[in-house]
Protein backbone atom coordinates (compact mmCIF):
# COMPACT_ATOMS: atom_id res chain seq x y z
CA UNK A 1 -26.79 -3.16 1.89
CA UNK A 2 -23.78 -4.74 3.83
CA UNK A 3 -22.51 -2.66 6.97
CA UNK A 4 -19.90 -4.11 9.21
CA UNK A 5 -20.53 -2.97 12.54
CA UNK A 6 -17.39 -2.21 14.82
CA UNK A 7 -17.17 -2.03 17.88
CA UNK A 8 -14.36 -2.65 20.62
CA UNK A 9 -16.87 -4.70 23.14
CA UNK A 10 -19.85 -7.00 22.51
CA UNK A 11 -22.67 -5.20 20.75
CA UNK A 12 -25.15 -7.12 22.13
CA UNK A 13 -24.28 -6.62 25.75
CA UNK A 14 -26.59 -3.65 27.62
CA UNK A 15 -23.93 -3.41 30.03
CA UNK A 16 -21.67 -0.98 27.54
CA UNK A 17 -22.91 2.37 27.42
CA UNK A 18 -26.03 1.70 28.93
CA UNK A 19 -26.84 -0.82 26.51
CA UNK A 20 -27.03 2.51 23.39
CA UNK A 21 -24.11 0.30 21.36
CA UNK A 22 -26.86 -3.02 21.11
CA UNK A 23 -29.57 -0.85 20.41
CA UNK A 24 -28.06 0.89 17.51
CA UNK A 25 -27.31 -2.27 16.09
CA UNK A 26 -30.91 -3.93 16.45
CA UNK A 27 -32.00 -0.29 14.66
CA UNK A 28 -29.97 -0.90 11.89
CA UNK A 29 -30.97 -4.56 11.58
CA UNK A 30 -34.98 -4.04 11.83
CA UNK A 31 -33.90 -1.51 8.53
CA UNK A 32 -33.47 -4.25 6.44
CA UNK A 33 -29.39 -3.55 6.94
CA UNK A 34 -27.00 -7.01 7.28
CA UNK A 35 -24.82 -6.85 9.51
CA UNK A 36 -21.35 -7.89 10.30
CA UNK A 37 -20.12 -7.54 13.55
CA UNK A 38 -16.43 -6.83 14.27
CA UNK A 39 -15.96 -6.55 17.87
CA UNK A 40 -14.37 -7.68 20.85
CA UNK A 41 -11.04 -5.57 20.15
CA UNK A 42 -8.37 -6.07 22.34
CA UNK A 43 -5.47 -3.19 23.69
CA UNK A 44 -1.63 -4.61 23.04
CA UNK A 45 0.57 -3.59 25.87
CA UNK A 46 -2.38 -2.82 28.40
CA UNK A 47 -0.21 -3.93 31.30
CA UNK A 48 2.84 -1.01 30.26
CA UNK A 49 0.11 1.41 29.34
CA UNK A 50 -1.45 0.31 33.12
CA UNK A 51 1.73 0.94 34.50
CA UNK A 52 1.67 4.62 32.67
CA UNK A 53 -2.11 5.02 34.08
CA UNK A 54 -0.96 4.51 37.50
CA UNK A 55 1.56 6.86 37.84
CA UNK A 56 -0.52 9.53 36.24
CA UNK A 57 -3.32 8.61 39.28
CA UNK A 58 -0.79 8.50 42.23
CA UNK A 59 2.07 10.71 40.76
CA UNK A 60 0.59 13.44 38.75
CA UNK A 61 -3.13 13.05 40.40
CA UNK A 62 -4.19 13.26 36.86
CA UNK A 63 -6.40 10.71 34.43
CA UNK A 64 -4.85 8.81 31.81
CA UNK A 65 -6.70 6.98 29.05
CA UNK A 66 -5.22 3.83 27.49
CA UNK A 67 -8.07 3.96 24.43
CA UNK A 68 -7.06 7.52 24.06
CA UNK A 69 -2.93 6.54 22.56
CA UNK A 70 -2.10 6.19 19.09
CA UNK A 71 -0.61 3.06 19.31
CA UNK A 72 -3.98 1.56 20.88
CA UNK A 73 -6.29 3.18 17.88
CA UNK A 74 -3.59 1.85 15.35
CA UNK A 75 -4.25 -1.50 17.08
CA UNK A 76 -7.29 -1.76 16.66
CA UNK A 77 -7.22 -0.12 13.33
CA UNK A 78 -4.91 -3.37 12.59
CA UNK A 79 -7.47 -5.80 14.19
CA UNK A 80 -10.34 -4.56 12.26
CA UNK A 81 -9.12 -5.14 8.70
CA UNK A 82 -7.77 -8.19 9.15
CA UNK A 83 -11.45 -9.21 10.69
CA UNK A 84 -13.07 -7.74 7.55
CA UNK A 85 -10.81 -9.63 4.77
CA UNK A 86 -13.39 -11.11 2.83
CA UNK A 87 -16.49 -9.38 4.19
CA UNK A 88 -16.51 -6.31 1.43
CA UNK A 89 -19.22 -3.87 3.27
CA UNK A 90 -20.85 -0.83 1.98
CA UNK A 91 -20.44 0.78 5.02
CA UNK A 92 -18.39 0.88 8.44
CA UNK A 93 -20.50 1.62 11.01
CA UNK A 94 -19.59 2.33 14.51
CA UNK A 95 -21.20 3.54 18.16
CA UNK A 96 -17.78 5.98 18.52
CA UNK A 97 -15.05 7.44 16.95
CA UNK A 98 -12.36 5.24 18.94
CA UNK A 99 -12.57 2.14 17.09
CA UNK A 100 -12.40 3.85 13.71
CA UNK A 101 -10.13 6.89 14.28
CA UNK A 102 -7.09 5.52 12.71
CA UNK A 103 -8.93 3.03 10.19
CA UNK A 104 -8.40 3.14 6.50
CA UNK A 105 -10.58 1.49 3.95
CA UNK A 106 -12.51 1.63 0.95
CA UNK A 107 -16.00 2.06 2.19
CA UNK A 108 -17.29 4.93 3.96
CA UNK A 109 -16.54 5.37 7.52
CA UNK A 110 -19.51 6.07 9.84
CA UNK A 111 -19.96 6.98 13.37
CA UNK A 112 -22.93 7.70 15.66
CA UNK A 113 -22.36 9.18 19.37
CA UNK A 114 -23.01 11.64 21.82
CA UNK A 115 -20.19 14.06 21.98
CA UNK A 116 -16.87 14.76 20.75
CA UNK A 117 -13.89 14.11 23.10
CA UNK A 118 -13.24 18.21 23.67
CA UNK A 119 -17.15 18.43 24.67
CA UNK A 120 -16.21 15.79 27.67
CA UNK A 121 -13.01 17.82 28.79
CA UNK A 122 -14.01 19.31 31.94
CA UNK A 123 -17.65 18.67 31.39
CA UNK A 124 -18.21 15.02 33.11
CA UNK A 125 -16.51 14.11 36.02
CA UNK A 126 -14.59 11.04 34.76
CA UNK A 127 -12.92 13.52 31.95
CA UNK A 128 -12.33 16.24 34.65
CA UNK A 129 -8.07 16.60 35.36
CA UNK A 130 -7.15 14.48 32.39
CA UNK A 131 -3.21 14.55 32.02
CA UNK A 132 -1.76 16.37 28.77
CA UNK A 133 -1.00 13.56 26.85
CA UNK A 134 -4.35 11.90 26.78
CA UNK A 135 -5.62 15.35 25.90
CA UNK A 136 -3.59 16.02 23.52
CA UNK A 137 -4.32 12.30 21.69
CA UNK A 138 -7.52 12.38 22.95
CA UNK A 139 -8.19 15.38 20.53
CA UNK A 140 -5.82 14.08 17.73
CA UNK A 141 -7.28 10.79 17.50
CA UNK A 142 -10.87 12.82 17.08
CA UNK A 143 -9.48 14.55 14.52
CA UNK A 144 -8.21 11.95 12.28
CA UNK A 145 -11.82 9.89 12.79
CA UNK A 146 -13.72 13.24 11.97
CA UNK A 147 -11.30 13.91 9.22
CA UNK A 148 -11.66 10.33 7.41
CA UNK A 149 -15.19 9.32 8.16
CA UNK A 150 -17.61 9.89 5.49
CA UNK A 151 -20.54 10.60 8.04
CA UNK A 152 -20.18 11.69 11.64
CA UNK A 153 -24.24 11.69 13.31
CA UNK A 154 -24.64 12.93 16.67
CA UNK A 155 -27.63 12.51 18.92
CA UNK A 156 -27.98 16.52 19.26
CA UNK A 157 -27.47 19.83 18.01
CA UNK A 158 -25.20 20.60 21.27
CA UNK A 159 -22.90 17.80 20.18
CA UNK A 160 -22.84 18.51 16.11
CA UNK A 161 -21.83 21.89 16.89
CA UNK A 162 -18.92 20.86 18.98
CA UNK A 163 -17.53 18.64 16.33
CA UNK A 164 -18.16 21.28 13.65
CA UNK A 165 -16.58 24.26 15.81
CA UNK A 166 -13.51 22.54 17.54
CA UNK A 167 -12.69 20.03 14.92
CA UNK A 168 -13.18 22.41 11.49
CA UNK A 169 -15.24 19.90 10.01
CA UNK A 170 -17.49 20.48 6.55
CA UNK A 171 -21.17 20.96 8.32
CA UNK A 172 -22.36 18.62 5.34
CA UNK A 173 -20.84 15.79 6.71
CA UNK A 174 -22.74 15.87 10.19
CA UNK A 175 -26.05 14.71 10.93
CA UNK A 176 -28.50 14.59 14.46
CA UNK A 177 -30.35 11.72 15.17
CA UNK A 178 -31.84 11.54 18.84
CA UNK A 179 -31.53 8.54 20.59
CA UNK A 180 -34.32 6.29 21.69
CA UNK A 181 -35.36 5.07 24.77
CA UNK A 182 -33.68 1.68 26.10
CA UNK A 183 -37.21 0.27 27.42
CA UNK A 184 -39.13 -2.51 25.53
CA UNK A 185 -42.09 -0.64 24.63
CA UNK A 186 -45.81 -2.10 23.42
CA UNK A 187 -47.97 0.86 24.96
CA UNK A 188 -50.76 2.98 22.34
CA UNK A 189 -52.39 5.94 22.46
CA UNK A 190 -55.36 4.96 24.17
CA UNK A 191 -53.32 3.42 26.88
CA UNK A 192 -51.79 6.45 27.74
CA UNK A 193 -55.05 7.82 28.03
CA UNK A 194 -55.86 5.10 30.42
CA UNK A 195 -52.95 5.51 32.33
CA UNK A 196 -52.91 9.23 32.79
CA UNK A 197 -56.82 8.92 33.75
CA UNK A 198 -56.12 6.58 36.43
CA UNK A 199 -53.13 8.69 38.49
CA UNK A 200 -53.37 9.30 42.19
CA UNK A 201 -53.05 13.19 42.28
CA UNK A 202 -53.60 13.46 46.10
CA UNK A 203 -49.72 13.23 46.03
CA UNK A 204 -46.91 14.26 43.55
CA UNK A 205 -45.03 12.01 42.59
CA UNK A 206 -41.60 12.44 41.53
CA UNK A 207 -39.37 10.08 40.05
CA UNK A 208 -35.59 10.46 40.13
CA UNK A 209 -33.27 7.70 37.70
CA UNK A 210 -29.73 7.45 37.72
CA UNK A 211 -26.52 5.98 38.69
CA UNK A 212 -24.74 8.97 40.09
CA UNK A 213 -26.48 11.35 42.65
CA UNK A 214 -24.17 14.14 42.26
CA UNK A 215 -23.88 14.70 38.17
CA UNK A 216 -27.25 13.60 38.02
CA UNK A 217 -28.45 16.95 40.13
CA UNK A 218 -29.92 14.91 43.07
CA UNK A 219 -29.03 17.64 45.67
CA UNK A 220 -31.36 19.80 43.32
CA UNK A 221 -34.62 17.19 43.08
CA UNK A 222 -34.07 16.86 46.61
CA UNK A 223 -34.53 20.57 47.50
CA UNK A 224 -37.49 20.68 44.97
CA UNK A 225 -39.35 17.86 47.05
CA UNK A 226 -38.80 20.02 50.26
CA UNK A 227 -40.20 23.09 48.55
CA UNK A 228 -43.08 21.50 47.41
CA UNK A 229 -43.75 20.48 51.02
CA UNK A 230 -43.15 23.37 51.92
CA UNK A 231 -45.90 25.19 50.01
CA UNK A 232 -48.40 22.48 51.32
CA UNK A 233 -47.85 19.90 47.90
CA UNK A 234 -48.16 16.29 49.34
CA UNK A 235 -45.01 14.92 47.97
CA UNK A 236 -42.80 11.98 47.41
CA UNK A 237 -39.71 11.52 45.82
CA UNK A 238 -38.97 8.16 44.48
CA UNK A 239 -34.86 7.24 43.68
CA UNK A 240 -33.49 4.68 41.56
CA UNK A 241 -30.36 3.81 40.36
CA UNK A 242 -27.77 5.52 43.06
CA UNK A 243 -26.48 5.97 46.49
CA UNK A 244 -28.08 8.91 48.58
CA UNK A 245 -26.73 11.03 51.16
CA UNK A 246 -28.04 9.85 54.83
CA UNK A 247 -30.00 12.62 54.90
CA UNK A 248 -31.91 11.91 51.63
CA UNK A 249 -32.59 8.15 52.69
CA UNK A 250 -34.10 9.18 55.91
CA UNK A 251 -36.03 12.09 54.90
CA UNK A 252 -39.71 11.10 54.78
CA UNK A 253 -40.22 12.70 51.80
CA UNK A 254 -38.49 9.87 50.16
CA UNK A 255 -38.87 6.41 48.57
CA UNK A 256 -35.35 4.70 47.87
CA UNK A 257 -34.89 1.54 45.65
CA UNK A 258 -30.67 1.75 45.03
CA UNK A 259 -29.49 -0.09 41.96
CA UNK A 260 -31.98 -1.86 39.69
CA UNK A 261 -30.99 -4.62 37.43
CA UNK A 262 -33.13 -3.33 34.57
CA UNK A 263 -32.67 -6.13 32.45
CA UNK A 264 -34.30 -8.79 35.07
CA UNK A 265 -37.95 -9.30 35.24
CA UNK A 266 -38.08 -8.09 38.63
CA UNK A 267 -36.05 -4.28 38.10
CA UNK A 268 -38.07 -4.41 35.33
CA UNK A 269 -41.23 -4.35 37.09
CA UNK A 270 -40.20 -2.03 39.62
CA UNK A 271 -38.97 0.29 37.03
CA UNK A 272 -42.18 0.38 35.03
CA UNK A 273 -44.31 0.27 38.33
CA UNK A 274 -42.41 3.81 39.79
CA UNK A 275 -43.01 5.66 36.12
CA UNK A 276 -46.58 4.37 35.98
CA UNK A 277 -47.33 6.28 38.76
CA UNK A 278 -44.91 9.16 38.75
CA UNK A 279 -46.17 12.55 38.13
CA UNK A 280 -42.98 13.83 36.43
CA UNK A 281 -39.40 12.80 35.84
CA UNK A 282 -36.74 15.09 37.42
CA UNK A 283 -33.05 14.78 36.32
CA UNK A 284 -31.37 18.08 36.81
CA UNK A 285 -28.36 16.89 35.43
CA UNK A 286 -25.20 19.29 35.94
CA UNK A 287 -23.68 17.37 32.73
CA UNK A 288 -25.59 15.23 30.13
CA UNK A 289 -24.85 14.58 26.49
CA UNK A 290 -28.69 13.54 25.93
CA UNK A 291 -30.28 11.75 28.41
CA UNK A 292 -32.45 8.31 27.23
CA UNK A 293 -34.09 8.39 30.58
CA UNK A 294 -36.17 11.26 29.18
CA UNK A 295 -36.87 9.19 26.40
CA UNK A 296 -37.81 6.35 28.64
CA UNK A 297 -40.11 8.61 30.89
CA UNK A 298 -41.99 10.00 27.66
CA UNK A 299 -43.11 6.21 26.85
CA UNK A 300 -44.98 6.28 29.95
CA UNK A 301 -46.43 9.71 29.35
CA UNK A 302 -44.88 11.24 31.88
CA UNK A 303 -42.95 14.64 31.36
CA UNK A 304 -39.42 14.97 31.95
CA UNK A 305 -37.23 18.17 33.72
CA UNK A 306 -33.86 18.54 33.34
CA UNK A 307 -31.58 21.51 33.21
CA UNK A 308 -30.24 22.95 30.16
CA UNK A 309 -26.84 21.54 29.55
CA UNK A 310 -25.28 19.09 27.23
CA UNK A 311 -27.57 17.57 24.97
CA UNK A 312 -31.09 17.54 26.76
CA UNK A 313 -32.62 20.65 25.00
CA UNK A 314 -32.83 17.83 22.25
CA UNK A 315 -34.45 15.03 24.41
CA UNK A 316 -36.66 18.16 26.14
CA UNK A 317 -38.91 20.44 24.20
CA UNK A 318 -40.22 23.18 26.95
CA UNK A 319 -43.77 22.83 27.38
CA UNK A 320 -44.24 20.28 25.09
CA UNK A 321 -42.60 16.83 26.62
CA UNK A 322 -41.46 18.79 29.60
CA UNK A 323 -39.14 21.63 30.47
CA UNK A 324 -35.58 22.93 30.82
CA UNK A 325 -34.52 25.20 33.31
CA UNK A 326 -31.59 27.29 33.07
CA UNK A 327 -28.22 26.22 35.20
CA UNK A 328 -28.77 28.52 37.66
CA UNK A 329 -32.25 28.66 38.03
CA UNK A 330 -33.94 29.18 41.32
CA UNK A 331 -35.90 25.96 42.91
CA UNK A 332 -38.95 27.97 43.15
CA UNK A 333 -38.93 27.81 39.38
CA UNK A 334 -39.42 24.36 38.60
CA UNK A 335 -41.94 24.63 41.50
CA UNK A 336 -43.54 26.81 39.64
CA UNK A 337 -43.83 24.74 36.64
CA UNK A 338 -44.56 21.32 38.31
CA UNK A 339 -46.99 22.71 40.39
CA UNK A 340 -48.83 24.49 37.38
CA UNK A 341 -49.46 21.37 36.21
CA UNK A 342 -50.11 19.16 38.84
CA UNK A 343 -53.02 21.63 40.03
CA UNK A 344 -54.70 21.63 36.74
CA UNK A 345 -55.55 18.09 35.99
CA UNK A 346 -56.12 19.01 32.00
CA UNK A 347 -53.10 20.97 31.85
CA UNK A 348 -51.54 17.93 33.11
CA UNK A 349 -53.16 15.77 30.45
CA UNK A 350 -52.04 17.37 27.57
CA UNK A 351 -48.16 17.32 28.29
CA UNK A 352 -48.73 13.66 29.29
CA UNK A 353 -50.24 12.86 26.21
CA UNK A 354 -47.49 15.17 24.14
CA UNK A 355 -44.70 13.49 26.43
CA UNK A 356 -46.07 10.44 24.97
CA UNK A 357 -46.18 11.64 21.07
CA UNK A 358 -42.13 12.90 21.35
CA UNK A 359 -41.56 9.62 22.73
CA UNK A 360 -43.83 7.99 19.16
CA UNK A 361 -42.74 9.84 16.85
CA UNK A 362 -39.30 10.96 17.88
CA UNK A 363 -37.59 9.55 21.15
CA UNK A 364 -37.91 5.86 19.59
CA UNK A 365 -35.14 3.22 17.85
CA UNK A 366 -37.26 2.52 14.89
CA UNK A 367 -37.56 6.43 14.29
CA UNK A 368 -34.10 6.82 14.96
CA UNK A 369 -33.43 3.70 12.74
CA UNK A 370 -35.21 5.10 9.97
CA UNK A 371 -33.83 8.54 10.16
CA UNK A 372 -30.74 7.11 10.09
CA UNK A 373 -31.47 4.87 7.12
CA UNK A 374 -32.19 8.40 5.30
CA UNK A 375 -28.80 9.62 5.76
CA UNK A 376 -26.98 6.21 5.10
CA UNK A 377 -28.65 5.93 1.27
CA UNK A 378 -26.97 9.46 0.31
CA UNK A 379 -23.72 7.93 0.79
CA UNK A 380 -24.18 5.23 -1.81
CA UNK A 381 -26.66 7.17 -4.23
């Protein structure tokens, strides 16, 4: 089957969208699909649109997005159709709704993403305070993409529900396929058993990974570490990926690594070392569409702890590969869960092995690719 893979950016790059677009493409290729890449789409009239963006930012104190303009989406569609000339794909596939919002083509159109436009409004910081023009046009383009597509694939039930309910689309055209871990994994069950057996339980190792301290719940994880310490549990909180408040950086409970390039061998080695010694990944995000980092921790047999928000509950199954807590859950609830497993080696071993099983059976790109393939086959049967 021939697939035209459509993205505005370089689909081989790991820098865009945390490498998700690249991993989606590889997952499809690994299922035997012949991919033709339609990418590097450009925005016409960028100068004028940047002037409008500046006006909204400095005069109205609002956020304006160029790519939510109908004229930009129309330009994308024109470029795509031009690049499609002579390809005759069986399916048009995109890691998002923006490139194909105004696209018309005889082949079925499919996109795979982690949220609808509406789901992001006033949820993520960068989608809070949008100007009315961006909200109006963004919802209009999202509606067009959903109406015109043959299938919309989302990484979570939360995202799928929002698309169905807000945009009133047919639930039959909506599918749910969780994302995989953005890591190269060569570990098997015996490796994880050895890793878990060799962990040092003299100190409870908490790991926080995220580029946005505030949105990822950094303040909460610091409170958890302090409370565990107060309770008499020796604890170390390792923080990767972000700048922290001065009080956190200077705390004797923390080890700070800052931003790490996970594509470099040195950076990858640091992250692997931290995951190998961690007992729990704790990323209690305030806003999260899915949370690839939870799947990555599970690939090391590390249970994940998060909040019940967005699509997190599709990544973390309570008591299986970690735990999610109510948005306003007290710090004591997190600590009770952590201490309950940390102080019982047999119990910890079970959840660690179950965490790896969740990665191996569900939260990896091969499983995701197989599930997407089964859905795509229905479009051509």
